[in-house]
Amino acid sequence: MMKIHPSVLSFLLIGSLGLISCEKNKGAEQKGPPPVQVSAIAVISRQAVFYDQYPASVTPLSQVDIRPEVSGYLSDIFFKDGQHVTE
């Protein structure tokens, strides 16, 4: 009788067990994961209002700089913002 190496014997044993397990599942129907539940929304048609907001600063159309006609510094201003002034 011929001697078989133990590693070859264990390889043959594991391989045959793998083939036997494949044969059992051959006729069985394979099932995937269950279907995923989703929600749906009905689409409706209506008027939509769109607007955008942007960071900005406002500059007036006409701006006046007050400068003295003589050399020196302004020490005081004798009117308030938005007040009508004359000469």
N, C-alpha and C. Protein backbone atom coordinates (compact mmCIF):
# COMPACT_ATOMS: atom_id res chain seq x y z
N MET A 1 0.82 -1.17 0.00
CA MET A 1 0.00 0.00 0.00
C MET A 1 0.88 1.25 0.00
N MET A 2 0.32 2.28 -0.65
CA MET A 2 1.07 3.52 -0.82
C MET A 2 0.82 4.46 0.36
N LYS A 3 1.88 5.14 0.79
CA LYS A 3 1.72 6.07 1.89
C LYS A 3 1.30 7.45 1.34
N ILE A 4 0.30 8.10 1.98
CA ILE A 4 -0.15 9.44 1.58
C ILE A 4 0.29 10.42 2.66
N HIS A 5 0.84 11.51 2.20
CA HIS A 5 1.32 12.54 3.12
C HIS A 5 0.12 13.14 3.87
N PRO A 6 0.24 13.44 5.16
CA PRO A 6 -0.90 13.96 5.93
C PRO A 6 -1.46 15.28 5.39
N SER A 7 -0.62 16.16 4.85
CA SER A 7 -1.12 17.44 4.33
C SER A 7 -1.96 17.23 3.07
N VAL A 8 -1.59 16.25 2.24
CA VAL A 8 -2.37 15.93 1.04
C VAL A 8 -3.70 15.34 1.45
N LEU A 9 -3.69 14.51 2.45
CA LEU A 9 -4.92 13.89 2.95
C LEU A 9 -5.88 14.94 3.50
N SER A 10 -5.36 15.90 4.27
CA SER A 10 -6.22 16.96 4.83
C SER A 10 -6.75 17.86 3.72
N PHE A 11 -5.96 18.12 2.68
CA PHE A 11 -6.41 18.92 1.54
C PHE A 11 -7.55 18.22 0.81
N LEU A 12 -7.42 16.93 0.57
CA LEU A 12 -8.48 16.17 -0.09
C LEU A 12 -9.75 16.12 0.75
N LEU A 13 -9.62 15.99 2.04
CA LEU A 13 -10.77 15.93 2.93
C LEU A 13 -11.52 17.27 2.94
N ILE A 14 -10.80 18.37 3.04
CA ILE A 14 -11.42 19.71 3.05
C ILE A 14 -12.07 20.00 1.70
N GLY A 15 -11.40 19.63 0.62
CA GLY A 15 -11.95 19.85 -0.72
C GLY A 15 -13.23 19.07 -0.95
N SER A 16 -13.25 17.81 -0.51
CA SER A 16 -14.45 17.00 -0.70
C SER A 16 -15.61 17.53 0.15
N LEU A 17 -15.35 18.03 1.35
CA LEU A 17 -16.40 18.62 2.18
C LEU A 17 -16.96 19.88 1.53
N GLY A 18 -16.10 20.65 0.90
CA GLY A 18 -16.55 21.86 0.20
C GLY A 18 -17.44 21.51 -0.97
N LEU A 19 -17.09 20.47 -1.73
CA LEU A 19 -17.92 20.07 -2.87
C LEU A 19 -19.26 19.51 -2.42
N ILE A 20 -19.26 18.78 -1.32
CA ILE A 20 -20.51 18.23 -0.80
C ILE A 20 -21.44 19.35 -0.36
N SER A 21 -20.90 20.37 0.30
CA SER A 21 -21.74 21.48 0.77
C SER A 21 -22.29 22.27 -0.41
N CYS A 22 -21.56 22.37 -1.51
CA CYS A 22 -22.05 23.06 -2.71
C CYS A 22 -23.18 22.27 -3.34
N GLU A 23 -23.10 20.95 -3.32
CA GLU A 23 -24.14 20.11 -3.91
C GLU A 23 -25.47 20.27 -3.17
N LYS A 24 -25.44 20.45 -1.86
CA LYS A 24 -26.67 20.59 -1.09
C LYS A 24 -27.41 21.88 -1.46
N ASN A 25 -26.71 22.97 -1.73
CA ASN A 25 -27.32 24.26 -2.03
C ASN A 25 -27.56 24.47 -3.52
N LYS A 26 -27.24 23.47 -4.33
CA LYS A 26 -27.34 23.64 -5.77
C LYS A 26 -28.78 23.86 -6.20
N GLY A 27 -29.74 23.10 -5.65
CA GLY A 27 -31.14 23.22 -6.03
C GLY A 27 -31.86 24.32 -5.25
N ALA A 28 -31.29 24.81 -4.18
CA ALA A 28 -31.96 25.82 -3.36
C ALA A 28 -31.95 27.17 -4.06
N GLU A 29 -33.00 27.89 -3.87
CA GLU A 29 -33.11 29.22 -4.48
C GLU A 29 -32.33 30.21 -3.61
N GLN A 30 -31.50 31.01 -4.22
CA GLN A 30 -30.72 31.98 -3.46
C GLN A 30 -31.57 33.22 -3.22
N LYS A 31 -31.62 33.66 -1.98
CA LYS A 31 -32.40 34.84 -1.61
C LYS A 31 -31.47 36.00 -1.34
N GLY A 32 -31.87 37.17 -1.83
CA GLY A 32 -31.10 38.39 -1.58
C GLY A 32 -31.66 39.11 -0.37
N PRO A 33 -31.16 40.31 -0.11
CA PRO A 33 -31.67 41.08 1.02
C PRO A 33 -33.11 41.51 0.75
N PRO A 34 -33.88 41.78 1.79
CA PRO A 34 -35.27 42.20 1.60
C PRO A 34 -35.32 43.56 0.89
N PRO A 35 -36.42 43.86 0.19
CA PRO A 35 -36.50 45.15 -0.51
C PRO A 35 -36.50 46.32 0.47
N VAL A 36 -35.94 47.43 0.03
CA VAL A 36 -35.82 48.61 0.87
C VAL A 36 -37.11 49.42 0.79
N GLN A 37 -37.62 49.86 1.93
CA GLN A 37 -38.83 50.67 1.95
C GLN A 37 -38.46 52.12 1.62
N VAL A 38 -39.20 52.73 0.69
CA VAL A 38 -38.98 54.13 0.31
C VAL A 38 -40.30 54.88 0.40
N SER A 39 -40.20 56.19 0.50
CA SER A 39 -41.40 57.02 0.51
C SER A 39 -41.42 57.86 -0.75
N ALA A 40 -42.62 58.23 -1.20
CA ALA A 40 -42.77 59.02 -2.42
C ALA A 40 -43.66 60.22 -2.13
N ILE A 41 -43.45 61.31 -2.87
CA ILE A 41 -44.23 62.53 -2.73
C ILE A 41 -44.85 62.85 -4.07
N ALA A 42 -46.13 63.22 -4.07
CA ALA A 42 -46.81 63.59 -5.31
C ALA A 42 -46.32 64.97 -5.76
N VAL A 43 -46.07 65.14 -7.04
CA VAL A 43 -45.60 66.40 -7.60
C VAL A 43 -46.80 67.26 -7.94
N ILE A 44 -46.77 68.54 -7.49
CA ILE A 44 -47.85 69.46 -7.81
C ILE A 44 -47.28 70.68 -8.50
N SER A 45 -48.11 71.35 -9.29
CA SER A 45 -47.68 72.54 -10.01
C SER A 45 -48.28 73.77 -9.34
N ARG A 46 -47.45 74.75 -8.98
CA ARG A 46 -47.93 76.00 -8.40
C ARG A 46 -46.89 77.09 -8.58
N GLN A 47 -47.29 78.32 -8.31
CA GLN A 47 -46.41 79.48 -8.45
C GLN A 47 -45.37 79.45 -7.32
N ALA A 48 -44.14 79.69 -7.66
CA ALA A 48 -43.07 79.69 -6.67
C ALA A 48 -42.41 81.07 -6.62
N VAL A 49 -42.01 81.48 -5.43
CA VAL A 49 -41.33 82.76 -5.25
C VAL A 49 -39.88 82.46 -4.91
N PHE A 50 -38.98 83.02 -5.69
CA PHE A 50 -37.55 82.81 -5.46
C PHE A 50 -36.91 84.13 -5.01
N TYR A 51 -36.03 84.06 -4.08
CA TYR A 51 -35.29 85.25 -3.65
C TYR A 51 -33.90 84.82 -3.20
N ASP A 52 -32.98 85.74 -3.29
CA ASP A 52 -31.60 85.50 -2.87
C ASP A 52 -31.19 86.56 -1.88
N GLN A 53 -30.32 86.22 -0.97
CA GLN A 53 -29.78 87.18 -0.02
C GLN A 53 -28.27 87.16 -0.18
N TYR A 54 -27.69 88.35 -0.29
CA TYR A 54 -26.25 88.49 -0.45
C TYR A 54 -25.72 89.48 0.59
N PRO A 55 -24.57 89.23 1.16
CA PRO A 55 -23.98 90.23 2.05
C PRO A 55 -23.48 91.39 1.21
N ALA A 56 -23.85 92.62 1.58
CA ALA A 56 -23.45 93.78 0.79
C ALA A 56 -23.49 95.03 1.65
N SER A 57 -22.99 96.12 1.11
CA SER A 57 -23.10 97.43 1.74
C SER A 57 -23.71 98.39 0.71
N VAL A 58 -24.45 99.37 1.20
CA VAL A 58 -25.15 100.30 0.33
C VAL A 58 -24.39 101.62 0.29
N THR A 59 -24.24 102.17 -0.91
CA THR A 59 -23.59 103.47 -1.10
C THR A 59 -24.60 104.42 -1.73
N PRO A 60 -24.74 105.64 -1.19
CA PRO A 60 -25.71 106.57 -1.77
C PRO A 60 -25.29 107.04 -3.15
N LEU A 61 -26.29 107.49 -3.96
CA LEU A 61 -25.98 107.99 -5.30
C LEU A 61 -25.24 109.32 -5.26
N SER A 62 -25.64 110.19 -4.33
CA SER A 62 -24.93 111.47 -4.19
C SER A 62 -24.38 111.57 -2.78
N GLN A 63 -23.12 111.79 -2.68
CA GLN A 63 -22.46 111.85 -1.39
C GLN A 63 -21.69 113.15 -1.32
N VAL A 64 -21.71 113.80 -0.18
CA VAL A 64 -21.07 115.11 -0.01
C VAL A 64 -19.96 114.97 1.01
N ASP A 65 -18.80 115.49 0.67
CA ASP A 65 -17.70 115.58 1.63
C ASP A 65 -17.61 117.02 2.10
N ILE A 66 -17.54 117.21 3.39
CA ILE A 66 -17.45 118.56 3.95
C ILE A 66 -16.00 118.85 4.24
N ARG A 67 -15.50 119.95 3.60
CA ARG A 67 -14.10 120.36 3.79
C ARG A 67 -14.08 121.87 4.11
N PRO A 68 -13.21 122.24 4.98
CA PRO A 68 -13.12 123.68 5.28
C PRO A 68 -12.42 124.43 4.14
N GLU A 69 -12.73 125.73 4.00
CA GLU A 69 -12.08 126.54 2.96
C GLU A 69 -10.80 127.18 3.47
N VAL A 70 -10.51 127.01 4.72
CA VAL A 70 -9.27 127.54 5.30
C VAL A 70 -8.48 126.38 5.85
N SER A 71 -7.20 126.62 6.09
CA SER A 71 -6.38 125.55 6.65
C SER A 71 -6.73 125.34 8.11
N GLY A 72 -6.61 124.14 8.57
CA GLY A 72 -6.92 123.84 9.96
C GLY A 72 -7.75 122.58 10.06
N TYR A 73 -8.30 122.36 11.21
CA TYR A 73 -9.08 121.16 11.48
C TYR A 73 -10.51 121.54 11.81
N LEU A 74 -11.47 120.67 11.48
CA LEU A 74 -12.86 120.86 11.89
C LEU A 74 -12.96 120.48 13.36
N SER A 75 -13.50 121.39 14.15
CA SER A 75 -13.64 121.10 15.57
C SER A 75 -15.05 120.66 15.91
N ASP A 76 -16.06 121.09 15.11
CA ASP A 76 -17.43 120.74 15.41
C ASP A 76 -18.25 120.80 14.12
N ILE A 77 -19.36 120.05 14.05
CA ILE A 77 -20.26 120.06 12.91
C ILE A 77 -21.61 120.52 13.45
N PHE A 78 -22.19 121.57 12.83
CA PHE A 78 -23.40 122.18 13.35
C PHE A 78 -24.65 121.78 12.58
N PHE A 79 -24.74 120.58 12.15
CA PHE A 79 -25.95 120.07 11.52
C PHE A 79 -26.01 118.56 11.78
N LYS A 80 -27.19 118.01 11.55
CA LYS A 80 -27.38 116.58 11.76
C LYS A 80 -27.50 115.88 10.42
N ASP A 81 -27.25 114.60 10.38
CA ASP A 81 -27.36 113.82 9.16
C ASP A 81 -28.76 113.92 8.58
N GLY A 82 -28.86 114.21 7.28
CA GLY A 82 -30.15 114.30 6.61
C GLY A 82 -30.81 115.68 6.71
N GLN A 83 -30.24 116.59 7.48
CA GLN A 83 -30.82 117.93 7.64
C GLN A 83 -30.54 118.77 6.40
N HIS A 84 -31.51 119.60 5.97
CA HIS A 84 -31.32 120.50 4.84
C HIS A 84 -30.49 121.70 5.32
N VAL A 85 -29.42 122.02 4.62
CA VAL A 85 -28.54 123.14 4.99
C VAL A 85 -28.46 124.14 3.84
N THR A 86 -28.20 125.39 4.17
CA THR A 86 -28.01 126.46 3.18
C THR A 86 -26.67 127.11 3.45
N GLU A 87 -26.29 128.05 2.56
CA GLU A 87 -25.01 128.77 2.75
C GLU A 87 -25.03 129.62 3.98
